[in-house]
N, C-alpha and C. Protein backbone atom coordinates (compact mmCIF):
# COMPACT_ATOMS: atom_id res chain seq x y z
N UNK A 1 -7.25 -108.18 -21.69
CA UNK A 1 -8.28 -107.22 -21.82
C UNK A 1 -9.64 -107.57 -21.64
N UNK A 2 -10.23 -108.89 -22.34
CA UNK A 2 -11.25 -109.43 -22.27
C UNK A 2 -11.07 -110.56 -21.23
N UNK A 3 -11.78 -110.50 -20.26
CA UNK A 3 -11.95 -111.60 -19.31
C UNK A 3 -13.34 -112.32 -19.29
N UNK A 4 -13.25 -113.50 -19.76
CA UNK A 4 -14.28 -114.50 -19.80
C UNK A 4 -15.70 -113.51 -20.55
N UNK A 5 -15.38 -112.97 -21.39
CA UNK A 5 -16.43 -112.10 -22.31
C UNK A 5 -17.09 -111.01 -21.45
N UNK A 6 -16.68 -110.82 -20.27
CA UNK A 6 -17.27 -109.59 -19.38
C UNK A 6 -16.52 -108.36 -19.80
N UNK A 7 -17.52 -107.23 -19.78
CA UNK A 7 -17.12 -105.94 -19.81
C UNK A 7 -15.54 -105.55 -18.95
N UNK A 8 -14.72 -104.95 -19.56
CA UNK A 8 -13.62 -104.53 -18.65
C UNK A 8 -13.12 -103.32 -18.90
N UNK A 9 -12.37 -102.53 -17.96
CA UNK A 9 -12.01 -101.29 -17.82
C UNK A 9 -10.69 -101.12 -18.01
N UNK A 10 -10.09 -100.14 -18.92
CA UNK A 10 -8.91 -99.83 -18.91
C UNK A 10 -8.72 -98.34 -18.96
N UNK A 11 -7.80 -97.77 -18.34
CA UNK A 11 -7.66 -96.27 -18.24
C UNK A 11 -6.65 -95.87 -19.64
N UNK A 12 -7.18 -94.74 -20.06
CA UNK A 12 -6.59 -94.16 -21.13
C UNK A 12 -5.07 -93.63 -20.73
N UNK A 13 -5.06 -93.19 -19.45
CA UNK A 13 -3.76 -93.04 -19.09
C UNK A 13 -2.86 -94.38 -19.17
N UNK A 14 -3.22 -95.59 -18.85
CA UNK A 14 -2.64 -96.84 -19.01
C UNK A 14 -2.22 -96.87 -20.47
N UNK A 15 -2.95 -96.55 -21.33
CA UNK A 15 -2.71 -96.98 -22.86
C UNK A 15 -1.34 -95.87 -23.02
N UNK A 16 -1.50 -94.71 -22.69
CA UNK A 16 -0.17 -93.75 -23.21
C UNK A 16 0.86 -93.77 -22.10
N UNK A 17 0.78 -94.68 -21.21
CA UNK A 17 2.03 -94.79 -20.37
C UNK A 17 2.68 -96.22 -20.74
N UNK A 18 2.14 -96.81 -21.77
CA UNK A 18 2.74 -97.98 -22.40
C UNK A 18 4.41 -97.49 -22.74
N UNK A 19 5.08 -98.73 -22.53
CA UNK A 19 6.57 -98.35 -22.72
C UNK A 19 6.91 -98.07 -24.14
N UNK A 20 6.40 -98.33 -25.11
CA UNK A 20 6.73 -98.01 -26.35
C UNK A 20 5.84 -97.83 -27.34
N UNK A 21 5.93 -97.05 -28.72
CA UNK A 21 4.84 -96.56 -29.38
C UNK A 21 4.18 -97.78 -30.04
N UNK A 22 4.90 -99.12 -30.32
CA UNK A 22 4.44 -100.22 -30.75
C UNK A 22 3.28 -100.82 -29.94
N UNK A 23 3.39 -100.80 -28.74
CA UNK A 23 2.51 -101.44 -27.80
C UNK A 23 1.26 -100.42 -27.65
N UNK A 24 1.36 -99.28 -27.90
CA UNK A 24 0.17 -98.35 -28.13
C UNK A 24 -0.46 -98.51 -29.24
N UNK A 25 0.22 -98.75 -30.39
CA UNK A 25 -0.37 -98.82 -31.75
C UNK A 25 -1.19 -100.23 -31.84
N UNK A 26 -0.47 -101.26 -31.36
CA UNK A 26 -1.10 -102.50 -31.23
C UNK A 26 -2.33 -102.56 -30.33
N UNK A 27 -2.29 -101.70 -29.29
CA UNK A 27 -3.39 -102.00 -28.27
C UNK A 27 -4.69 -101.36 -29.11
N UNK A 28 -4.36 -99.86 -29.73
CA UNK A 28 -5.53 -99.45 -30.04
C UNK A 28 -5.94 -100.06 -31.48
N UNK A 29 -5.16 -100.65 -32.20
CA UNK A 29 -5.59 -101.56 -33.41
C UNK A 29 -6.46 -102.69 -32.90
N UNK A 30 -6.02 -103.40 -31.62
CA UNK A 30 -6.92 -104.16 -31.11
C UNK A 30 -8.18 -103.76 -30.97
N UNK A 31 -8.45 -102.68 -30.18
CA UNK A 31 -9.80 -102.07 -29.85
C UNK A 31 -10.56 -101.70 -31.03
N UNK A 32 -10.05 -101.27 -32.20
CA UNK A 32 -10.63 -101.00 -33.30
C UNK A 32 -11.15 -102.42 -33.91
N UNK A 33 -10.38 -103.41 -33.93
CA UNK A 33 -10.78 -104.81 -34.52
C UNK A 33 -11.90 -105.44 -33.43
N UNK A 34 -12.02 -105.02 -32.15
CA UNK A 34 -13.03 -105.39 -31.30
C UNK A 34 -14.22 -104.62 -31.78
N UNK A 35 -14.16 -103.19 -31.86
CA UNK A 35 -15.27 -102.50 -32.36
C UNK A 35 -15.91 -103.09 -33.54
N UNK A 36 -15.01 -103.40 -34.34
CA UNK A 36 -15.62 -103.84 -35.69
C UNK A 36 -16.40 -105.19 -35.56
N UNK A 37 -16.03 -105.92 -34.75
CA UNK A 37 -16.87 -107.16 -34.25
C UNK A 37 -18.13 -106.90 -33.43
N UNK A 38 -18.48 -105.75 -33.06
CA UNK A 38 -19.60 -105.18 -32.72
C UNK A 38 -19.62 -105.02 -31.12
N UNK A 39 -18.73 -104.88 -30.80
CA UNK A 39 -18.23 -104.13 -29.29
C UNK A 39 -18.57 -102.84 -29.18
N UNK A 40 -18.89 -102.28 -28.06
CA UNK A 40 -19.22 -101.03 -27.98
C UNK A 40 -17.99 -100.45 -26.83
N UNK A 41 -17.29 -99.15 -27.28
CA UNK A 41 -16.40 -98.61 -26.44
C UNK A 41 -16.96 -97.32 -26.24
N UNK A 42 -17.05 -97.14 -24.71
CA UNK A 42 -17.45 -95.80 -24.28
C UNK A 42 -16.56 -95.22 -23.41
N UNK A 43 -16.22 -93.88 -23.21
CA UNK A 43 -15.30 -93.18 -22.31
C UNK A 43 -15.97 -92.67 -21.17
N UNK A 44 -15.68 -93.19 -19.97
CA UNK A 44 -16.20 -92.66 -18.84
C UNK A 44 -15.52 -91.50 -18.29
N UNK A 45 -16.14 -90.94 -17.02
CA UNK A 45 -15.56 -89.97 -16.26
C UNK A 45 -14.16 -90.53 -15.89
N UNK A 46 -13.31 -89.66 -15.97
CA UNK A 46 -11.85 -89.93 -15.23
C UNK A 46 -11.01 -90.59 -16.45
N UNK A 47 -11.48 -90.67 -17.44
CA UNK A 47 -10.65 -91.31 -18.61
C UNK A 47 -10.62 -92.85 -18.78
N UNK A 48 -11.69 -93.38 -18.27
CA UNK A 48 -11.78 -95.00 -18.40
C UNK A 48 -12.54 -95.09 -19.50
N UNK A 49 -12.22 -96.36 -20.19
CA UNK A 49 -12.73 -96.94 -21.25
C UNK A 49 -13.52 -98.02 -20.87
N UNK A 50 -14.83 -98.12 -21.21
CA UNK A 50 -15.61 -99.32 -20.84
C UNK A 50 -16.02 -100.08 -22.17
N UNK A 51 -15.47 -101.53 -22.16
CA UNK A 51 -15.69 -102.22 -23.44
C UNK A 51 -17.06 -102.89 -23.11
N UNK A 52 -18.16 -103.03 -23.85
CA UNK A 52 -19.00 -103.83 -23.70
C UNK A 52 -19.34 -104.70 -25.03
N UNK A 53 -19.03 -106.16 -24.80
CA UNK A 53 -19.38 -106.98 -25.91
C UNK A 53 -20.68 -107.57 -26.07
N UNK A 54 -20.99 -107.88 -27.19
CA UNK A 54 -22.45 -108.44 -27.22
C UNK A 54 -22.27 -109.86 -27.61
């Protein structure tokens, strides 16, 4: 998800097309942990998530 600390994009559709519930839950928990560390996640048009780290 994070590549060399640069902002990365992932689609909400990609999250919900993950093969099992466990993958989705782990992904969402990962996003929450990143947010707690000071990153900002915004939802862009078309269902894209933009992750900006500080």
